[in-house]
Amino acid sequence: MNKLKELREKRDISQLKLASIIGVSQKTVSAWETGRRNPKPRELQKLEDVFGVAKEDIFFNLFSYKM
């Protein structure tokens, strides 16, 4: 679905800590990781800034357009 959990665990950041950094709840981070919800544009930018990885690479499913 996405690479968020992998990136977060690689950097040894808990869901709660990431939620605090981004300004959302831990449940929201969990929902992003499982694909139940998608981050808003400003949240995508914050995630990109935190991990130093393009948002398209973290949430590739949001940017994969099928014709």
PDB file of N, CA and C in Angstrom:
ATOM      1  N   MET A   1       0.811  -1.198   0.000  1.00  0.00           N
ATOM      2  CA  MET A   1       0.000   0.000   0.000  1.00  0.00           C
ATOM      3  C   MET A   1       0.856   1.264   0.000  1.00  0.00           C
ATOM      4  N   ASN A   2       1.722   1.396   1.013  1.00  0.00           N
ATOM      5  CA  ASN A   2       2.620   2.546   1.072  1.00  0.00           C
ATOM      6  C   ASN A   2       3.827   2.178   1.927  1.00  0.00           C
ATOM      7  N   LYS A   3       4.801   3.074   1.924  1.00  0.00           N
ATOM      8  CA  LYS A   3       6.058   2.821   2.632  1.00  0.00           C
ATOM      9  C   LYS A   3       6.153   3.509   3.987  1.00  0.00           C
ATOM     10  N   LEU A   4       5.078   4.094   4.439  1.00  0.00           N
ATOM     11  CA  LEU A   4       5.146   4.887   5.662  1.00  0.00           C
ATOM     12  C   LEU A   4       5.610   4.070   6.859  1.00  0.00           C
ATOM     13  N   LYS A   5       5.026   2.918   7.075  1.00  0.00           N
ATOM     14  CA  LYS A   5       5.403   2.097   8.228  1.00  0.00           C
ATOM     15  C   LYS A   5       6.871   1.693   8.145  1.00  0.00           C
ATOM     16  N   GLU A   6       7.298   1.290   6.962  1.00  0.00           N
ATOM     17  CA  GLU A   6       8.703   0.894   6.761  1.00  0.00           C
ATOM     18  C   GLU A   6       9.647   2.048   7.094  1.00  0.00           C
ATOM     19  N   LEU A   7       9.353   3.237   6.585  1.00  0.00           N
ATOM     20  CA  LEU A   7      10.194   4.404   6.858  1.00  0.00           C
ATOM     21  C   LEU A   7      10.199   4.758   8.338  1.00  0.00           C
ATOM     22  N   ARG A   8       9.022   4.704   8.933  1.00  0.00           N
ATOM     23  CA  ARG A   8       8.894   5.048  10.351  1.00  0.00           C
ATOM     24  C   ARG A   8       9.693   4.080  11.222  1.00  0.00           C
ATOM     25  N   GLU A   9       9.562   2.792  10.946  1.00  0.00           N
ATOM     26  CA  GLU A   9      10.275   1.785  11.747  1.00  0.00           C
ATOM     27  C   GLU A   9      11.785   1.850  11.529  1.00  0.00           C
ATOM     28  N   LYS A  10      12.213   2.153  10.302  1.00  0.00           N
ATOM     29  CA  LYS A  10      13.652   2.289  10.020  1.00  0.00           C
ATOM     30  C   LYS A  10      14.287   3.376  10.867  1.00  0.00           C
ATOM     31  N   ARG A  11      13.534   4.420  11.115  1.00  0.00           N
ATOM     32  CA  ARG A  11      14.041   5.549  11.895  1.00  0.00           C
ATOM     33  C   ARG A  11      13.679   5.439  13.375  1.00  0.00           C
ATOM     34  N   ASP A  12      13.098   4.311  13.739  1.00  0.00           N
ATOM     35  CA  ASP A  12      12.738   4.027  15.134  1.00  0.00           C
ATOM     36  C   ASP A  12      11.848   5.128  15.720  1.00  0.00           C
ATOM     37  N   ILE A  13      10.808   5.489  14.950  1.00  0.00           N
ATOM     38  CA  ILE A  13       9.843   6.485  15.383  1.00  0.00           C
ATOM     39  C   ILE A  13       8.516   5.768  15.619  1.00  0.00           C
ATOM     40  N   SER A  14       7.918   5.970  16.769  1.00  0.00           N
ATOM     41  CA  SER A  14       6.620   5.354  17.061  1.00  0.00           C
ATOM     42  C   SER A  14       5.515   6.088  16.301  1.00  0.00           C
ATOM     43  N   GLN A  15       4.382   5.440  16.171  1.00  0.00           N
ATOM     44  CA  GLN A  15       3.227   6.109  15.567  1.00  0.00           C
ATOM     45  C   GLN A  15       2.858   7.348  16.359  1.00  0.00           C
ATOM     46  N   LEU A  16       2.922   7.242  17.673  1.00  0.00           N
ATOM     47  CA  LEU A  16       2.572   8.370  18.536  1.00  0.00           C
ATOM     48  C   LEU A  16       3.520   9.551  18.328  1.00  0.00           C
ATOM     49  N   LYS A  17       4.804   9.269  18.232  1.00  0.00           N
ATOM     50  CA  LYS A  17       5.804  10.324  18.012  1.00  0.00           C
ATOM     51  C   LYS A  17       5.593  10.987  16.651  1.00  0.00           C
ATOM     52  N   LEU A  18       5.381  10.164  15.614  1.00  0.00           N
ATOM     53  CA  LEU A  18       5.146  10.718  14.281  1.00  0.00           C
ATOM     54  C   LEU A  18       3.869  11.558  14.272  1.00  0.00           C
ATOM     55  N   ALA A  19       2.844  11.067  14.929  1.00  0.00           N
ATOM     56  CA  ALA A  19       1.589  11.813  15.014  1.00  0.00           C
ATOM     57  C   ALA A  19       1.822  13.186  15.643  1.00  0.00           C
ATOM     58  N   SER A  20       2.622  13.226  16.694  1.00  0.00           N
ATOM     59  CA  SER A  20       2.934  14.477  17.363  1.00  0.00           C
ATOM     60  C   SER A  20       3.686  15.436  16.440  1.00  0.00           C
ATOM     61  N   ILE A  21       4.620  14.909  15.688  1.00  0.00           N
ATOM     62  CA  ILE A  21       5.411  15.731  14.756  1.00  0.00           C
ATOM     63  C   ILE A  21       4.517  16.320  13.666  1.00  0.00           C
ATOM     64  N   ILE A  22       3.614  15.504  13.131  1.00  0.00           N
ATOM     65  CA  ILE A  22       2.769  15.924  12.017  1.00  0.00           C
ATOM     66  C   ILE A  22       1.580  16.756  12.485  1.00  0.00           C
ATOM     67  N   GLY A  23       1.134  16.514  13.720  1.00  0.00           N
ATOM     68  CA  GLY A  23      -0.012  17.252  14.245  1.00  0.00           C
ATOM     69  C   GLY A  23      -1.331  16.532  14.033  1.00  0.00           C
ATOM     70  N   VAL A  24      -1.275  15.201  14.099  1.00  0.00           N
ATOM     71  CA  VAL A  24      -2.477  14.374  13.961  1.00  0.00           C
ATOM     72  C   VAL A  24      -2.508  13.381  15.113  1.00  0.00           C
ATOM     73  N   SER A  25      -3.538  12.542  15.153  1.00  0.00           N
ATOM     74  CA  SER A  25      -3.618  11.517  16.200  1.00  0.00           C
ATOM     75  C   SER A  25      -2.869  10.259  15.779  1.00  0.00           C
ATOM     76  N   GLN A  26      -2.559   9.429  16.761  1.00  0.00           N
ATOM     77  CA  GLN A  26      -1.912   8.142  16.490  1.00  0.00           C
ATOM     78  C   GLN A  26      -2.817   7.272  15.623  1.00  0.00           C
ATOM     79  N   LYS A  27      -4.129   7.361  15.839  1.00  0.00           N
ATOM     80  CA  LYS A  27      -5.083   6.586  15.037  1.00  0.00           C
ATOM     81  C   LYS A  27      -5.022   6.994  13.567  1.00  0.00           C
ATOM     82  N   THR A  28      -4.769   8.255  13.315  1.00  0.00           N
ATOM     83  CA  THR A  28      -4.649   8.739  11.940  1.00  0.00           C
ATOM     84  C   THR A  28      -3.422   8.144  11.269  1.00  0.00           C
ATOM     85  N   VAL A  29      -2.298   8.122  11.972  1.00  0.00           N
ATOM     86  CA  VAL A  29      -1.080   7.524  11.422  1.00  0.00           C
ATOM     87  C   VAL A  29      -1.324   6.045  11.127  1.00  0.00           C
ATOM     88  N   SER A  30      -1.976   5.354  12.033  1.00  0.00           N
ATOM     89  CA  SER A  30      -2.299   3.946  11.822  1.00  0.00           C
ATOM     90  C   SER A  30      -3.173   3.770  10.579  1.00  0.00           C
ATOM     91  N   ALA A  31      -4.151   4.636  10.414  1.00  0.00           N
ATOM     92  CA  ALA A  31      -5.040   4.556   9.248  1.00  0.00           C
ATOM     93  C   ALA A  31      -4.280   4.820   7.949  1.00  0.00           C
ATOM     94  N   TRP A  32      -3.313   5.725   7.982  1.00  0.00           N
ATOM     95  CA  TRP A  32      -2.483   5.960   6.797  1.00  0.00           C
ATOM     96  C   TRP A  32      -1.687   4.706   6.449  1.00  0.00           C
ATOM     97  N   GLU A  33      -1.097   4.093   7.475  1.00  0.00           N
ATOM     98  CA  GLU A  33      -0.245   2.927   7.239  1.00  0.00           C
ATOM     99  C   GLU A  33      -1.022   1.743   6.680  1.00  0.00           C
ATOM    100  N   THR A  34      -2.270   1.615   7.064  1.00  0.00           N
ATOM    101  CA  THR A  34      -3.075   0.490   6.590  1.00  0.00           C
ATOM    102  C   THR A  34      -3.865   0.827   5.333  1.00  0.00           C
ATOM    103  N   GLY A  35      -3.813   2.067   4.902  1.00  0.00           N
ATOM    104  CA  GLY A  35      -4.508   2.462   3.687  1.00  0.00           C
ATOM    105  C   GLY A  35      -5.977   2.790   3.877  1.00  0.00           C
ATOM    106  N   ARG A  36      -6.419   2.892   5.117  1.00  0.00           N
ATOM    107  CA  ARG A  36      -7.823   3.242   5.370  1.00  0.00           C
ATOM    108  C   ARG A  36      -8.083   4.724   5.139  1.00  0.00           C
ATOM    109  N   ARG A  37      -7.066   5.544   5.290  1.00  0.00           N
ATOM    110  CA  ARG A  37      -7.165   6.988   5.064  1.00  0.00           C
ATOM    111  C   ARG A  37      -5.925   7.456   4.334  1.00  0.00           C
ATOM    112  N   ASN A  38      -6.061   8.586   3.679  1.00  0.00           N
ATOM    113  CA  ASN A  38      -4.921   9.203   3.005  1.00  0.00           C
ATOM    114  C   ASN A  38      -4.633  10.559   3.633  1.00  0.00           C
ATOM    115  N   PRO A  39      -3.363  10.904   3.724  1.00  0.00           N
ATOM    116  CA  PRO A  39      -3.003  12.206   4.288  1.00  0.00           C
ATOM    117  C   PRO A  39      -3.484  13.355   3.402  1.00  0.00           C
ATOM    118  N   LYS A  40      -3.762  14.467   4.040  1.00  0.00           N
ATOM    119  CA  LYS A  40      -4.097  15.694   3.317  1.00  0.00           C
ATOM    120  C   LYS A  40      -2.798  16.256   2.730  1.00  0.00           C
ATOM    121  N   PRO A  41      -2.901  17.150   1.736  1.00  0.00           N
ATOM    122  CA  PRO A  41      -1.686  17.683   1.109  1.00  0.00           C
ATOM    123  C   PRO A  41      -0.671  18.266   2.098  1.00  0.00           C
ATOM    124  N   ARG A  42      -1.124  19.041   3.093  1.00  0.00           N
ATOM    125  CA  ARG A  42      -0.166  19.624   4.044  1.00  0.00           C
ATOM    126  C   ARG A  42       0.503  18.540   4.890  1.00  0.00           C
ATOM    127  N   GLU A  43      -0.246  17.468   5.186  1.00  0.00           N
ATOM    128  CA  GLU A  43       0.317  16.347   5.948  1.00  0.00           C
ATOM    129  C   GLU A  43       1.320  15.572   5.097  1.00  0.00           C
ATOM    130  N   LEU A  44       1.017  15.421   3.813  1.00  0.00           N
ATOM    131  CA  LEU A  44       1.964  14.774   2.894  1.00  0.00           C
ATOM    132  C   LEU A  44       3.285  15.539   2.872  1.00  0.00           C
ATOM    133  N   GLN A  45       3.192  16.865   2.838  1.00  0.00           N
ATOM    134  CA  GLN A  45       4.415  17.680   2.807  1.00  0.00           C
ATOM    135  C   GLN A  45       5.218  17.513   4.094  1.00  0.00           C
ATOM    136  N   LYS A  46       4.531  17.469   5.219  1.00  0.00           N
ATOM    137  CA  LYS A  46       5.228  17.280   6.496  1.00  0.00           C
ATOM    138  C   LYS A  46       5.908  15.919   6.539  1.00  0.00           C
ATOM    139  N   LEU A  47       5.239  14.886   6.036  1.00  0.00           N
ATOM    140  CA  LEU A  47       5.842  13.549   6.005  1.00  0.00           C
ATOM    141  C   LEU A  47       7.075  13.537   5.102  1.00  0.00           C
ATOM    142  N   GLU A  48       6.990  14.210   3.978  1.00  0.00           N
ATOM    143  CA  GLU A  48       8.127  14.315   3.071  1.00  0.00           C
ATOM    144  C   GLU A  48       9.295  15.002   3.778  1.00  0.00           C
ATOM    145  N   ASP A  49       9.004  16.059   4.505  1.00  0.00           N
ATOM    146  CA  ASP A  49      10.044  16.795   5.229  1.00  0.00           C
ATOM    147  C   ASP A  49      10.675  15.939   6.332  1.00  0.00           C
ATOM    148  N   VAL A  50       9.852  15.200   7.066  1.00  0.00           N
ATOM    149  CA  VAL A  50      10.347  14.374   8.171  1.00  0.00           C
ATOM    150  C   VAL A  50      11.270  13.272   7.673  1.00  0.00           C
ATOM    151  N   PHE A  51      10.858  12.594   6.604  1.00  0.00           N
ATOM    152  CA  PHE A  51      11.604  11.424   6.144  1.00  0.00           C
ATOM    153  C   PHE A  51      12.598  11.723   5.029  1.00  0.00           C
ATOM    154  N   GLY A  52      12.526  12.901   4.418  1.00  0.00           N
ATOM    155  CA  GLY A  52      13.440  13.226   3.332  1.00  0.00           C
ATOM    156  C   GLY A  52      13.217  12.349   2.112  1.00  0.00           C
ATOM    157  N   VAL A  53      11.983  11.918   1.929  1.00  0.00           N
ATOM    158  CA  VAL A  53      11.601  11.062   0.816  1.00  0.00           C
ATOM    159  C   VAL A  53      10.411  11.704   0.126  1.00  0.00           C
ATOM    160  N   ALA A  54      10.405  11.707  -1.194  1.00  0.00           N
ATOM    161  CA  ALA A  54       9.304  12.308  -1.932  1.00  0.00           C
ATOM    162  C   ALA A  54       7.973  11.663  -1.554  1.00  0.00           C
ATOM    163  N   LYS A  55       6.962  12.494  -1.407  1.00  0.00           N
ATOM    164  CA  LYS A  55       5.637  11.981  -1.025  1.00  0.00           C
ATOM    165  C   LYS A  55       5.122  10.944  -2.007  1.00  0.00           C
ATOM    166  N   GLU A  56       5.506  11.088  -3.280  1.00  0.00           N
ATOM    167  CA  GLU A  56       5.105  10.107  -4.288  1.00  0.00           C
ATOM    168  C   GLU A  56       5.721   8.743  -4.016  1.00  0.00           C
ATOM    169  N   ASP A  57       6.892   8.732  -3.411  1.00  0.00           N
ATOM    170  CA  ASP A  57       7.557   7.471  -3.078  1.00  0.00           C
ATOM    171  C   ASP A  57       6.985   6.850  -1.801  1.00  0.00           C
ATOM    172  N   ILE A  58       6.459   7.665  -0.910  1.00  0.00           N
ATOM    173  CA  ILE A  58       5.870   7.144   0.324  1.00  0.00           C
ATOM    174  C   ILE A  58       4.468   6.603   0.043  1.00  0.00           C
ATOM    175  N   PHE A  59       3.668   7.389  -0.648  1.00  0.00           N
ATOM    176  CA  PHE A  59       2.279   7.029  -0.928  1.00  0.00           C
ATOM    177  C   PHE A  59       2.081   6.886  -2.432  1.00  0.00           C
ATOM    178  N   PHE A  60       2.788   5.937  -3.026  1.00  0.00           N
ATOM    179  CA  PHE A  60       2.730   5.768  -4.475  1.00  0.00           C
ATOM    180  C   PHE A  60       1.328   5.486  -4.980  1.00  0.00           C
ATOM    181  N   ASN A  61       0.472   4.876  -4.160  1.00  0.00           N
ATOM    182  CA  ASN A  61      -0.891   4.573  -4.604  1.00  0.00           C
ATOM    183  C   ASN A  61      -1.723   5.840  -4.832  1.00  0.00           C
ATOM    184  N   LEU A  62      -1.381   6.932  -4.138  1.00  0.00           N
ATOM    185  CA  LEU A  62      -2.109   8.178  -4.348  1.00  0.00           C
ATOM    186  C   LEU A  62      -1.775   8.834  -5.687  1.00  0.00           C
ATOM    187  N   PHE A  63      -0.606   8.495  -6.210  1.00  0.00           N
ATOM    188  CA  PHE A  63      -0.121   9.147  -7.405  1.00  0.00           C
ATOM    189  C   PHE A  63      -0.057   8.216  -8.608  1.00  0.00           C
ATOM    190  N   SER A  64      -0.636   7.025  -8.497  1.00  0.00           N
ATOM    191  CA  SER A  64      -0.664   6.070  -9.603  1.00  0.00           C
ATOM    192  C   SER A  64      -2.008   6.203 -10.311  1.00  0.00           C
ATOM    193  N   TYR A  65      -1.958   6.753 -11.471  1.00  0.00           N
ATOM    194  CA  TYR A  65      -3.176   6.975 -12.228  1.00  0.00           C
ATOM    195  C   TYR A  65      -3.341   5.878 -13.261  1.00  0.00           C
ATOM    196  N   LYS A  66      -4.483   5.232 -13.233  1.00  0.00           N
ATOM    197  CA  LYS A  66      -4.770   4.182 -14.214  1.00  0.00           C
ATOM    198  C   LYS A  66      -5.638   4.760 -15.304  1.00  0.00           C
ATOM    199  N   MET A  67      -5.292   4.462 -16.509  1.00  0.00           N
ATOM    200  CA  MET A  67      -6.059   4.952 -17.657  1.00  0.00           C
ATOM    201  C   MET A  67      -6.907   3.831 -18.204  1.00  0.00           C
TER     202      MET A  67
END
